[in-house]
Amino acid sequence: MFLVKRAAARAPAARPAVVLDLCCGAGGIGAALASLLPGAELHAADSDAAAVGYAHRNIAPFGGRAHVGDLYTALPADLRGRVDLLVVNAPYVPSGEIDLLPSEARLYEPRASLDGGFDGVDVQRRVARVAPDWLAPGGHLLIETSARQAAATTGAVTESGLAATVESCEDWDCTVVAGTAPDGARITTSA
């Protein structure tokens, strides 16, 4: 929560905080953040058109815009370098472990929303590699991962040039890797 408030506070006074919910699914995370950050410019993106339809309905009350496409290709170019808070719930189940998931996940979730590749961190690596191009100076990237994969996710975030920390919550059984862009000039990557 402190990163959410810090990201909003870092936005220049001339504009609202810019929030991007990447791999948004139905847009629940973006909607929750928008409720905490009144006036935020909210964008959500996912490769699943049906999910984006739901996301549009869920974030529209906050003035949010939903986009269909693969990761950053879905986004309007004018977001580049302006995102204060980039939240990502990318697939992170290793391909070989999907059959071990509870039936409600295996049977009712599209495989693409679960499958994170061989070690579960493939999509997270893709997100982290290009995140600095989209983050505002001092902006934050938050990637949900597992405790087991936190080191690999942290490695992907630091390799992109962001300062990384790991945050865990036992009550919610969740782990998030937070990456912070430098306050100065934007980092640029070759994607």
N, C-alpha and C. Protein backbone atom coordinates (compact mmCIF):
# COMPACT_ATOMS: atom_id res chain seq x y z
N MET A 1 0.82 -1.19 0.00
CA MET A 1 0.00 0.00 0.00
C MET A 1 0.87 1.26 0.00
N PHE A 2 2.00 1.20 0.70
CA PHE A 2 2.83 2.40 0.76
C PHE A 2 3.35 2.76 -0.62
N LEU A 3 3.64 1.77 -1.47
CA LEU A 3 4.10 2.09 -2.83
C LEU A 3 3.00 2.73 -3.66
N VAL A 4 1.77 2.32 -3.44
CA VAL A 4 0.64 2.93 -4.16
C VAL A 4 0.56 4.41 -3.81
N LYS A 5 0.60 4.72 -2.53
CA LYS A 5 0.51 6.11 -2.11
C LYS A 5 1.74 6.91 -2.54
N ARG A 6 2.92 6.29 -2.47
CA ARG A 6 4.13 6.98 -2.88
C ARG A 6 4.11 7.26 -4.39
N ALA A 7 3.63 6.31 -5.17
CA ALA A 7 3.55 6.52 -6.62
C ALA A 7 2.61 7.66 -6.94
N ALA A 8 1.49 7.72 -6.24
CA ALA A 8 0.54 8.81 -6.47
C ALA A 8 1.14 10.15 -6.08
N ALA A 9 1.88 10.17 -4.99
CA ALA A 9 2.48 11.41 -4.51
C ALA A 9 3.60 11.88 -5.44
N ARG A 10 4.26 10.95 -6.14
CA ARG A 10 5.38 11.30 -7.02
C ARG A 10 4.91 11.91 -8.33
N ALA A 11 3.66 11.69 -8.69
CA ALA A 11 3.17 12.25 -9.95
C ALA A 11 3.26 13.76 -9.87
N PRO A 12 3.72 14.40 -10.95
CA PRO A 12 3.81 15.87 -10.93
C PRO A 12 2.46 16.49 -10.61
N ALA A 13 2.48 17.60 -9.91
CA ALA A 13 1.24 18.28 -9.50
C ALA A 13 0.37 18.63 -10.70
N ALA A 14 0.97 18.78 -11.86
CA ALA A 14 0.23 19.18 -13.06
C ALA A 14 -0.60 18.03 -13.64
N ARG A 15 -0.41 16.80 -13.15
CA ARG A 15 -1.16 15.68 -13.69
C ARG A 15 -1.48 14.66 -12.61
N PRO A 16 -2.54 13.89 -12.84
CA PRO A 16 -2.86 12.82 -11.88
C PRO A 16 -1.87 11.67 -12.02
N ALA A 17 -1.85 10.80 -11.02
CA ALA A 17 -1.02 9.60 -11.09
C ALA A 17 -1.48 8.75 -12.27
N VAL A 18 -0.53 8.13 -12.95
CA VAL A 18 -0.84 7.24 -14.07
C VAL A 18 -0.61 5.80 -13.59
N VAL A 19 -1.66 4.99 -13.68
CA VAL A 19 -1.64 3.62 -13.21
C VAL A 19 -1.90 2.69 -14.39
N LEU A 20 -1.10 1.64 -14.50
CA LEU A 20 -1.26 0.65 -15.55
C LEU A 20 -1.39 -0.72 -14.91
N ASP A 21 -2.49 -1.41 -15.19
CA ASP A 21 -2.75 -2.77 -14.74
C ASP A 21 -2.49 -3.68 -15.94
N LEU A 22 -1.32 -4.31 -15.99
CA LEU A 22 -0.91 -5.15 -17.12
C LEU A 22 -1.21 -6.60 -16.80
N CYS A 23 -1.67 -7.36 -17.78
CA CYS A 23 -2.18 -8.72 -17.57
C CYS A 23 -3.37 -8.62 -16.62
N CYS A 24 -4.27 -7.71 -16.96
CA CYS A 24 -5.31 -7.25 -16.04
C CYS A 24 -6.44 -8.23 -15.79
N GLY A 25 -6.62 -9.23 -16.66
CA GLY A 25 -7.79 -10.09 -16.47
C GLY A 25 -9.04 -9.22 -16.49
N ALA A 26 -9.89 -9.38 -15.51
CA ALA A 26 -11.14 -8.62 -15.43
C ALA A 26 -10.97 -7.21 -14.87
N GLY A 27 -9.73 -6.81 -14.59
CA GLY A 27 -9.48 -5.43 -14.17
C GLY A 27 -9.70 -5.14 -12.70
N GLY A 28 -9.80 -6.16 -11.88
CA GLY A 28 -10.06 -5.96 -10.46
C GLY A 28 -8.98 -5.17 -9.74
N ILE A 29 -7.72 -5.45 -10.06
CA ILE A 29 -6.62 -4.74 -9.38
C ILE A 29 -6.64 -3.27 -9.78
N GLY A 30 -6.80 -3.00 -11.07
CA GLY A 30 -6.87 -1.61 -11.53
C GLY A 30 -8.01 -0.85 -10.89
N ALA A 31 -9.19 -1.49 -10.81
CA ALA A 31 -10.34 -0.84 -10.19
C ALA A 31 -10.09 -0.56 -8.72
N ALA A 32 -9.48 -1.52 -8.02
CA ALA A 32 -9.18 -1.31 -6.60
C ALA A 32 -8.20 -0.16 -6.42
N LEU A 33 -7.17 -0.09 -7.27
CA LEU A 33 -6.21 1.01 -7.16
C LEU A 33 -6.87 2.35 -7.48
N ALA A 34 -7.71 2.38 -8.49
CA ALA A 34 -8.39 3.63 -8.84
C ALA A 34 -9.27 4.12 -7.70
N SER A 35 -9.85 3.18 -6.95
CA SER A 35 -10.68 3.58 -5.82
C SER A 35 -9.85 4.21 -4.71
N LEU A 36 -8.56 3.83 -4.65
CA LEU A 36 -7.65 4.38 -3.65
C LEU A 36 -6.96 5.66 -4.11
N LEU A 37 -6.97 5.89 -5.42
CA LEU A 37 -6.26 7.03 -6.02
C LEU A 37 -7.23 7.85 -6.86
N PRO A 38 -8.14 8.57 -6.22
CA PRO A 38 -9.13 9.34 -6.98
C PRO A 38 -8.45 10.24 -8.02
N GLY A 39 -9.01 10.22 -9.23
CA GLY A 39 -8.50 11.06 -10.29
C GLY A 39 -7.35 10.46 -11.07
N ALA A 40 -6.89 9.27 -10.67
CA ALA A 40 -5.77 8.64 -11.38
C ALA A 40 -6.16 8.36 -12.83
N GLU A 41 -5.18 8.46 -13.71
CA GLU A 41 -5.36 8.05 -15.10
C GLU A 41 -5.08 6.55 -15.14
N LEU A 42 -6.11 5.75 -15.39
CA LEU A 42 -6.02 4.30 -15.28
C LEU A 42 -6.09 3.64 -16.65
N HIS A 43 -5.14 2.75 -16.90
CA HIS A 43 -5.14 1.91 -18.11
C HIS A 43 -5.00 0.47 -17.67
N ALA A 44 -5.65 -0.44 -18.41
CA ALA A 44 -5.55 -1.86 -18.16
C ALA A 44 -5.37 -2.56 -19.49
N ALA A 45 -4.58 -3.62 -19.52
CA ALA A 45 -4.34 -4.35 -20.77
C ALA A 45 -4.21 -5.84 -20.51
N ASP A 46 -4.69 -6.61 -21.48
CA ASP A 46 -4.59 -8.05 -21.42
C ASP A 46 -4.69 -8.58 -22.85
N SER A 47 -4.18 -9.78 -23.08
CA SER A 47 -4.25 -10.37 -24.41
C SER A 47 -5.57 -11.06 -24.67
N ASP A 48 -6.36 -11.30 -23.64
CA ASP A 48 -7.64 -12.00 -23.76
C ASP A 48 -8.75 -10.97 -23.96
N ALA A 49 -9.34 -10.96 -25.16
CA ALA A 49 -10.37 -9.96 -25.49
C ALA A 49 -11.58 -10.05 -24.56
N ALA A 50 -11.99 -11.26 -24.20
CA ALA A 50 -13.14 -11.40 -23.30
C ALA A 50 -12.84 -10.80 -21.94
N ALA A 51 -11.64 -11.07 -21.43
CA ALA A 51 -11.25 -10.50 -20.13
C ALA A 51 -11.22 -8.98 -20.21
N VAL A 52 -10.72 -8.44 -21.30
CA VAL A 52 -10.66 -6.98 -21.45
C VAL A 52 -12.06 -6.38 -21.49
N GLY A 53 -13.02 -7.11 -22.05
CA GLY A 53 -14.41 -6.64 -22.03
C GLY A 53 -14.90 -6.46 -20.60
N TYR A 54 -14.60 -7.42 -19.74
CA TYR A 54 -14.96 -7.30 -18.32
C TYR A 54 -14.15 -6.18 -17.65
N ALA A 55 -12.89 -6.10 -17.98
CA ALA A 55 -12.05 -5.05 -17.39
C ALA A 55 -12.62 -3.68 -17.74
N HIS A 56 -13.02 -3.52 -18.99
CA HIS A 56 -13.60 -2.23 -19.41
C HIS A 56 -14.79 -1.87 -18.53
N ARG A 57 -15.68 -2.84 -18.30
CA ARG A 57 -16.84 -2.57 -17.45
C ARG A 57 -16.44 -2.24 -16.01
N ASN A 58 -15.39 -2.89 -15.51
CA ASN A 58 -14.98 -2.69 -14.13
C ASN A 58 -14.20 -1.41 -13.88
N ILE A 59 -13.48 -0.93 -14.90
CA ILE A 59 -12.68 0.28 -14.69
C ILE A 59 -13.33 1.53 -15.28
N ALA A 60 -14.35 1.37 -16.11
CA ALA A 60 -15.02 2.53 -16.70
C ALA A 60 -15.56 3.50 -15.66
N PRO A 61 -16.11 3.04 -14.53
CA PRO A 61 -16.60 4.00 -13.52
C PRO A 61 -15.50 4.92 -12.97
N PHE A 62 -14.25 4.53 -13.15
CA PHE A 62 -13.12 5.33 -12.69
C PHE A 62 -12.47 6.10 -13.84
N GLY A 63 -13.11 6.07 -15.01
CA GLY A 63 -12.55 6.74 -16.17
C GLY A 63 -11.43 5.96 -16.82
N GLY A 64 -11.30 4.67 -16.47
CA GLY A 64 -10.21 3.85 -17.00
C GLY A 64 -10.43 3.42 -18.43
N ARG A 65 -9.33 3.11 -19.09
CA ARG A 65 -9.36 2.63 -20.47
C ARG A 65 -8.73 1.25 -20.53
N ALA A 66 -9.41 0.33 -21.23
CA ALA A 66 -8.92 -1.05 -21.35
C ALA A 66 -8.43 -1.28 -22.78
N HIS A 67 -7.34 -2.04 -22.90
CA HIS A 67 -6.68 -2.27 -24.19
C HIS A 67 -6.44 -3.77 -24.38
N VAL A 68 -6.62 -4.26 -25.61
CA VAL A 68 -6.39 -5.66 -25.94
C VAL A 68 -5.08 -5.78 -26.70
N GLY A 69 -4.22 -6.70 -26.25
CA GLY A 69 -2.98 -6.97 -26.97
C GLY A 69 -1.96 -7.62 -26.05
N ASP A 70 -0.86 -8.01 -26.64
CA ASP A 70 0.20 -8.67 -25.90
C ASP A 70 1.06 -7.65 -25.16
N LEU A 71 0.94 -7.65 -23.86
CA LEU A 71 1.71 -6.78 -22.97
C LEU A 71 1.70 -5.33 -23.47
N TYR A 72 2.87 -4.75 -23.68
CA TYR A 72 2.97 -3.33 -24.00
C TYR A 72 2.47 -2.97 -25.40
N THR A 73 2.36 -3.96 -26.29
CA THR A 73 1.90 -3.65 -27.65
C THR A 73 0.45 -3.17 -27.64
N ALA A 74 -0.27 -3.45 -26.58
CA ALA A 74 -1.66 -3.04 -26.48
C ALA A 74 -1.82 -1.56 -26.13
N LEU A 75 -0.76 -0.93 -25.67
CA LEU A 75 -0.88 0.39 -25.05
C LEU A 75 -0.71 1.55 -26.02
N PRO A 76 -1.38 2.66 -25.71
CA PRO A 76 -1.14 3.86 -26.52
C PRO A 76 0.27 4.38 -26.28
N ALA A 77 0.91 4.84 -27.34
CA ALA A 77 2.31 5.29 -27.26
C ALA A 77 2.51 6.43 -26.28
N ASP A 78 1.48 7.25 -26.05
CA ASP A 78 1.66 8.41 -25.16
C ASP A 78 1.80 8.03 -23.69
N LEU A 79 1.64 6.75 -23.37
CA LEU A 79 1.89 6.29 -21.99
C LEU A 79 3.37 6.09 -21.71
N ARG A 80 4.15 5.91 -22.76
CA ARG A 80 5.58 5.62 -22.62
C ARG A 80 6.25 6.71 -21.78
N GLY A 81 6.92 6.27 -20.69
CA GLY A 81 7.65 7.19 -19.82
C GLY A 81 6.79 7.96 -18.83
N ARG A 82 5.48 7.63 -18.73
CA ARG A 82 4.58 8.39 -17.85
C ARG A 82 3.96 7.56 -16.73
N VAL A 83 4.17 6.27 -16.70
CA VAL A 83 3.48 5.40 -15.74
C VAL A 83 4.13 5.50 -14.36
N ASP A 84 3.34 5.91 -13.39
CA ASP A 84 3.81 6.02 -12.01
C ASP A 84 3.73 4.69 -11.27
N LEU A 85 2.72 3.89 -11.60
CA LEU A 85 2.52 2.61 -10.93
C LEU A 85 2.09 1.58 -11.97
N LEU A 86 2.93 0.59 -12.17
CA LEU A 86 2.69 -0.49 -13.12
C LEU A 86 2.51 -1.77 -12.32
N VAL A 87 1.28 -2.30 -12.28
CA VAL A 87 1.00 -3.51 -11.52
C VAL A 87 0.77 -4.65 -12.50
N VAL A 88 1.33 -5.82 -12.16
CA VAL A 88 1.31 -6.94 -13.10
C VAL A 88 0.98 -8.23 -12.35
N ASN A 89 -0.05 -8.89 -12.81
CA ASN A 89 -0.36 -10.23 -12.33
C ASN A 89 -0.21 -11.17 -13.51
N ALA A 90 1.03 -11.32 -13.96
CA ALA A 90 1.34 -12.17 -15.11
C ALA A 90 1.26 -13.64 -14.72
N PRO A 91 1.02 -14.51 -15.69
CA PRO A 91 1.04 -15.93 -15.39
C PRO A 91 2.39 -16.33 -14.78
N TYR A 92 2.36 -17.12 -13.70
CA TYR A 92 3.63 -17.53 -13.10
C TYR A 92 3.67 -18.99 -12.66
N VAL A 93 2.77 -19.78 -13.20
CA VAL A 93 2.81 -21.22 -12.91
C VAL A 93 3.73 -21.86 -13.95
N PRO A 94 4.73 -22.64 -13.51
CA PRO A 94 5.57 -23.35 -14.48
C PRO A 94 4.70 -24.27 -15.35
N SER A 95 5.01 -24.32 -16.64
CA SER A 95 4.21 -25.13 -17.58
C SER A 95 3.99 -26.54 -17.09
N GLY A 96 5.01 -27.18 -16.55
CA GLY A 96 4.92 -28.56 -16.10
C GLY A 96 4.11 -28.76 -14.83
N GLU A 97 3.69 -27.67 -14.19
CA GLU A 97 2.94 -27.79 -12.94
C GLU A 97 1.47 -27.40 -13.07
N ILE A 98 1.04 -27.02 -14.25
CA ILE A 98 -0.35 -26.60 -14.43
C ILE A 98 -1.31 -27.73 -14.08
N ASP A 99 -0.96 -28.96 -14.45
CA ASP A 99 -1.84 -30.10 -14.13
C ASP A 99 -1.95 -30.37 -12.65
N LEU A 100 -1.09 -29.77 -11.83
CA LEU A 100 -1.14 -29.95 -10.38
C LEU A 100 -2.03 -28.93 -9.68
N LEU A 101 -2.50 -27.93 -10.43
CA LEU A 101 -3.36 -26.89 -9.85
C LEU A 101 -4.72 -27.46 -9.46
N PRO A 102 -5.41 -26.80 -8.54
CA PRO A 102 -6.77 -27.23 -8.22
C PRO A 102 -7.64 -27.21 -9.49
N SER A 103 -8.62 -28.08 -9.54
CA SER A 103 -9.44 -28.22 -10.75
C SER A 103 -10.12 -26.91 -11.15
N GLU A 104 -10.52 -26.08 -10.18
CA GLU A 104 -11.19 -24.82 -10.54
C GLU A 104 -10.27 -23.90 -11.34
N ALA A 105 -8.99 -23.99 -11.14
CA ALA A 105 -8.04 -23.19 -11.93
C ALA A 105 -7.80 -23.85 -13.29
N ARG A 106 -7.53 -25.14 -13.28
CA ARG A 106 -7.23 -25.85 -14.54
C ARG A 106 -8.40 -25.85 -15.50
N LEU A 107 -9.60 -26.03 -15.00
CA LEU A 107 -10.77 -26.19 -15.86
C LEU A 107 -11.42 -24.89 -16.29
N TYR A 108 -11.28 -23.84 -15.49
CA TYR A 108 -12.04 -22.63 -15.78
C TYR A 108 -11.20 -21.40 -16.11
N GLU A 109 -9.90 -21.52 -16.04
CA GLU A 109 -9.01 -20.42 -16.40
C GLU A 109 -8.35 -20.75 -17.73
N PRO A 110 -8.27 -19.78 -18.65
CA PRO A 110 -7.54 -20.06 -19.89
C PRO A 110 -6.08 -20.40 -19.56
N ARG A 111 -5.53 -21.36 -20.27
CA ARG A 111 -4.15 -21.78 -20.01
C ARG A 111 -3.19 -20.60 -20.09
N ALA A 112 -3.43 -19.68 -21.01
CA ALA A 112 -2.55 -18.52 -21.17
C ALA A 112 -2.51 -17.64 -19.92
N SER A 113 -3.57 -17.68 -19.11
CA SER A 113 -3.56 -16.86 -17.90
C SER A 113 -2.84 -17.55 -16.74
N LEU A 114 -2.43 -18.79 -16.94
CA LEU A 114 -1.72 -19.55 -15.91
C LEU A 114 -0.27 -19.83 -16.26
N ASP A 115 -0.01 -20.12 -17.53
CA ASP A 115 1.28 -20.67 -17.97
C ASP A 115 2.37 -19.62 -18.05
N GLY A 116 3.31 -19.71 -17.12
CA GLY A 116 4.44 -18.78 -17.08
C GLY A 116 5.70 -19.33 -17.71
N GLY A 117 5.58 -20.40 -18.49
CA GLY A 117 6.75 -20.97 -19.15
C GLY A 117 7.47 -21.98 -18.29
N PHE A 118 8.63 -22.41 -18.75
CA PHE A 118 9.37 -23.50 -18.12
C PHE A 118 9.52 -23.31 -16.60
N ASP A 119 9.98 -22.13 -16.16
CA ASP A 119 10.18 -21.90 -14.73
C ASP A 119 9.13 -20.98 -14.12
N GLY A 120 8.15 -20.60 -14.92
CA GLY A 120 7.07 -19.74 -14.43
C GLY A 120 7.36 -18.26 -14.50
N VAL A 121 8.54 -17.88 -14.96
CA VAL A 121 8.94 -16.47 -14.91
C VAL A 121 9.12 -15.87 -16.32
N ASP A 122 8.76 -16.62 -17.36
CA ASP A 122 8.95 -16.12 -18.73
C ASP A 122 8.23 -14.80 -18.99
N VAL A 123 6.96 -14.73 -18.65
CA VAL A 123 6.20 -13.51 -18.92
C VAL A 123 6.70 -12.37 -18.03
N GLN A 124 7.04 -12.68 -16.80
CA GLN A 124 7.58 -11.66 -15.90
C GLN A 124 8.87 -11.07 -16.45
N ARG A 125 9.72 -11.90 -17.04
CA ARG A 125 10.96 -11.40 -17.65
C ARG A 125 10.64 -10.44 -18.80
N ARG A 126 9.66 -10.81 -19.62
CA ARG A 126 9.27 -9.93 -20.74
C ARG A 126 8.74 -8.60 -20.22
N VAL A 127 7.95 -8.65 -19.17
CA VAL A 127 7.41 -7.41 -18.58
C VAL A 127 8.54 -6.55 -18.04
N ALA A 128 9.41 -7.15 -17.24
CA ALA A 128 10.48 -6.40 -16.59
C ALA A 128 11.45 -5.79 -17.60
N ARG A 129 11.77 -6.53 -18.64
CA ARG A 129 12.75 -6.07 -19.62
C ARG A 129 12.36 -4.72 -20.24
N VAL A 130 11.07 -4.49 -20.45
CA VAL A 130 10.61 -3.29 -21.14
C VAL A 130 10.00 -2.26 -20.18
N ALA A 131 9.74 -2.64 -18.95
CA ALA A 131 9.10 -1.74 -17.98
C ALA A 131 9.77 -0.38 -17.87
N PRO A 132 11.10 -0.29 -17.85
CA PRO A 132 11.72 1.03 -17.70
C PRO A 132 11.33 2.03 -18.80
N ASP A 133 11.00 1.54 -19.98
CA ASP A 133 10.58 2.43 -21.06
C ASP A 133 9.22 3.07 -20.76
N TRP A 134 8.42 2.42 -19.97
CA TRP A 134 7.06 2.89 -19.69
C TRP A 134 6.95 3.63 -18.36
N LEU A 135 7.87 3.38 -17.44
CA LEU A 135 7.80 4.02 -16.13
C LEU A 135 8.25 5.47 -16.17
N ALA A 136 7.58 6.30 -15.40
CA ALA A 136 8.01 7.68 -15.18
C ALA A 136 9.24 7.63 -14.26
N PRO A 137 10.06 8.67 -14.25
CA PRO A 137 11.17 8.70 -13.28
C PRO A 137 10.62 8.47 -11.86
N GLY A 138 11.22 7.54 -11.14
CA GLY A 138 10.76 7.22 -9.79
C GLY A 138 9.54 6.33 -9.76
N GLY A 139 9.05 5.90 -10.92
CA GLY A 139 7.86 5.05 -10.99
C GLY A 139 8.14 3.65 -10.46
N HIS A 140 7.06 2.93 -10.16
CA HIS A 140 7.16 1.61 -9.54
C HIS A 140 6.53 0.52 -10.40
N LEU A 141 7.20 -0.61 -10.45
CA LEU A 141 6.70 -1.83 -11.07
C LEU A 141 6.43 -2.82 -9.94
N LEU A 142 5.23 -3.37 -9.88
CA LEU A 142 4.88 -4.39 -8.89
C LEU A 142 4.46 -5.65 -9.62
N ILE A 143 5.19 -6.74 -9.42
CA ILE A 143 4.89 -8.01 -10.08
C ILE A 143 4.56 -9.06 -9.03
N GLU A 144 3.34 -9.61 -9.10
CA GLU A 144 3.00 -10.72 -8.23
C GLU A 144 3.76 -11.95 -8.69
N THR A 145 4.30 -12.69 -7.74
CA THR A 145 5.06 -13.90 -8.04
C THR A 145 4.83 -14.88 -6.90
N SER A 146 5.61 -15.92 -6.83
CA SER A 146 5.53 -16.83 -5.68
C SER A 146 6.80 -16.67 -4.86
N ALA A 147 6.75 -17.10 -3.62
CA ALA A 147 7.94 -17.03 -2.77
C ALA A 147 9.08 -17.83 -3.40
N ARG A 148 8.74 -18.96 -4.01
CA ARG A 148 9.74 -19.82 -4.65
C ARG A 148 10.41 -19.14 -5.85
N GLN A 149 9.66 -18.29 -6.55
CA GLN A 149 10.17 -17.65 -7.76
C GLN A 149 10.66 -16.23 -7.53
N ALA A 150 10.58 -15.75 -6.32
CA ALA A 150 10.92 -14.34 -6.03
C ALA A 150 12.34 -13.99 -6.46
N ALA A 151 13.29 -14.89 -6.27
CA ALA A 151 14.67 -14.59 -6.65
C ALA A 151 14.80 -14.42 -8.16
N ALA A 152 14.15 -15.27 -8.93
CA ALA A 152 14.21 -15.15 -10.40
C ALA A 152 13.51 -13.89 -10.87
N THR A 153 12.37 -13.57 -10.26
CA THR A 153 11.65 -12.35 -10.63
C THR A 153 12.48 -11.13 -10.26
N THR A 154 13.08 -11.14 -9.09
CA THR A 154 13.95 -10.04 -8.67
C THR A 154 15.10 -9.87 -9.64
N GLY A 155 15.69 -10.97 -10.08
CA GLY A 155 16.77 -10.91 -11.05
C GLY A 155 16.33 -10.24 -12.35
N ALA A 156 15.15 -10.57 -12.82
CA ALA A 156 14.62 -9.97 -14.05
C ALA A 156 14.42 -8.46 -13.87
N VAL A 157 13.93 -8.07 -12.71
CA VAL A 157 13.68 -6.65 -12.44
C VAL A 157 15.00 -5.88 -12.35
N THR A 158 15.97 -6.42 -11.64
CA THR A 158 17.24 -5.70 -11.51
C THR A 158 18.00 -5.67 -12.83
N GLU A 159 17.91 -6.73 -13.63
CA GLU A 159 18.57 -6.74 -14.94
C GLU A 159 18.03 -5.65 -15.85
N SER A 160 16.80 -5.22 -15.62
CA SER A 160 16.22 -4.15 -16.44
C SER A 160 16.67 -2.77 -15.98
N GLY A 161 17.40 -2.70 -14.86
CA GLY A 161 17.90 -1.42 -14.37
C GLY A 161 17.08 -0.81 -13.25
N LEU A 162 16.10 -1.54 -12.75
CA LEU A 162 15.28 -1.05 -11.65
C LEU A 162 15.83 -1.56 -10.32
N ALA A 163 15.69 -0.77 -9.27
CA ALA A 163 16.04 -1.22 -7.92
C ALA A 163 14.90 -2.11 -7.44
N ALA A 164 15.21 -3.30 -6.95
CA ALA A 164 14.17 -4.27 -6.60
C ALA A 164 14.15 -4.61 -5.13
N THR A 165 12.95 -4.82 -4.61
CA THR A 165 12.74 -5.34 -3.27
C THR A 165 11.65 -6.40 -3.35
N VAL A 166 11.60 -7.27 -2.34
CA VAL A 166 10.57 -8.30 -2.28
C VAL A 166 9.69 -8.00 -1.08
N GLU A 167 8.39 -7.99 -1.32
CA GLU A 167 7.41 -7.77 -0.26
C GLU A 167 6.54 -9.02 -0.17
N SER A 168 6.33 -9.53 1.05
CA SER A 168 5.48 -10.71 1.24
C SER A 168 4.44 -10.43 2.31
N CYS A 169 3.31 -11.09 2.18
CA CYS A 169 2.24 -10.98 3.17
C CYS A 169 1.75 -12.39 3.48
N GLU A 170 2.02 -12.84 4.69
CA GLU A 170 1.59 -14.18 5.08
C GLU A 170 0.08 -14.29 5.15
N ASP A 171 -0.59 -13.22 5.62
CA ASP A 171 -2.05 -13.25 5.73
C ASP A 171 -2.72 -13.52 4.39
N TRP A 172 -2.20 -12.94 3.34
CA TRP A 172 -2.78 -13.10 2.00
C TRP A 172 -2.02 -14.15 1.19
N ASP A 173 -0.96 -14.73 1.74
CA ASP A 173 -0.13 -15.71 1.05
C ASP A 173 0.28 -15.20 -0.33
N CYS A 174 0.89 -14.01 -0.33
CA CYS A 174 1.31 -13.43 -1.60
C CYS A 174 2.71 -12.84 -1.49
N THR A 175 3.37 -12.82 -2.64
CA THR A 175 4.71 -12.25 -2.75
C THR A 175 4.72 -11.33 -3.95
N VAL A 176 5.29 -10.15 -3.77
CA VAL A 176 5.37 -9.15 -4.83
C VAL A 176 6.81 -8.67 -4.93
N VAL A 177 7.31 -8.60 -6.15
CA VAL A 177 8.61 -7.97 -6.37
C VAL A 177 8.32 -6.55 -6.85
N ALA A 178 8.90 -5.58 -6.14
CA ALA A 178 8.72 -4.16 -6.47
C ALA A 178 10.00 -3.63 -7.08
N GLY A 179 9.87 -3.03 -8.25
CA GLY A 179 11.00 -2.40 -8.91
C GLY A 179 10.76 -0.91 -8.98
N THR A 180 11.78 -0.12 -8.73
CA THR A 180 11.66 1.33 -8.74
C THR A 180 12.63 1.92 -9.75
N ALA A 181 12.10 2.76 -10.63
CA ALA A 181 12.94 3.44 -11.62
C ALA A 181 13.71 4.56 -10.94
N PRO A 182 14.90 4.88 -11.44
CA PRO A 182 15.65 6.01 -10.88
C PRO A 182 14.84 7.30 -11.01
N ASP A 183 15.11 8.25 -10.12
CA ASP A 183 14.41 9.53 -10.15
C ASP A 183 14.82 10.41 -11.32
N GLY A 184 16.03 10.21 -11.83
CA GLY A 184 16.54 11.06 -12.90
C GLY A 184 15.99 10.70 -14.25
N ALA A 185 16.84 10.74 -15.24
CA ALA A 185 16.42 10.46 -16.60
C ALA A 185 15.90 9.04 -16.73
N ARG A 186 14.96 8.87 -17.64
CA ARG A 186 14.39 7.56 -17.90
C ARG A 186 15.45 6.59 -18.38
N ILE A 187 15.31 5.35 -17.95
CA ILE A 187 16.12 4.26 -18.47
C ILE A 187 15.48 3.87 -19.81
N THR A 188 16.26 3.59 -20.81
CA THR A 188 15.68 3.07 -22.03
C THR A 188 16.27 1.70 -22.30
N THR A 189 15.45 0.85 -22.86
CA THR A 189 15.88 -0.51 -23.15
C THR A 189 15.74 -0.75 -24.63
N SER A 190 16.35 -1.79 -25.08
CA SER A 190 16.14 -2.20 -26.47
C SER A 190 15.24 -3.39 -26.47
N ALA A 191 13.99 -3.16 -26.81
CA ALA A 191 13.02 -4.25 -26.76
C ALA A 191 12.73 -4.69 -28.14
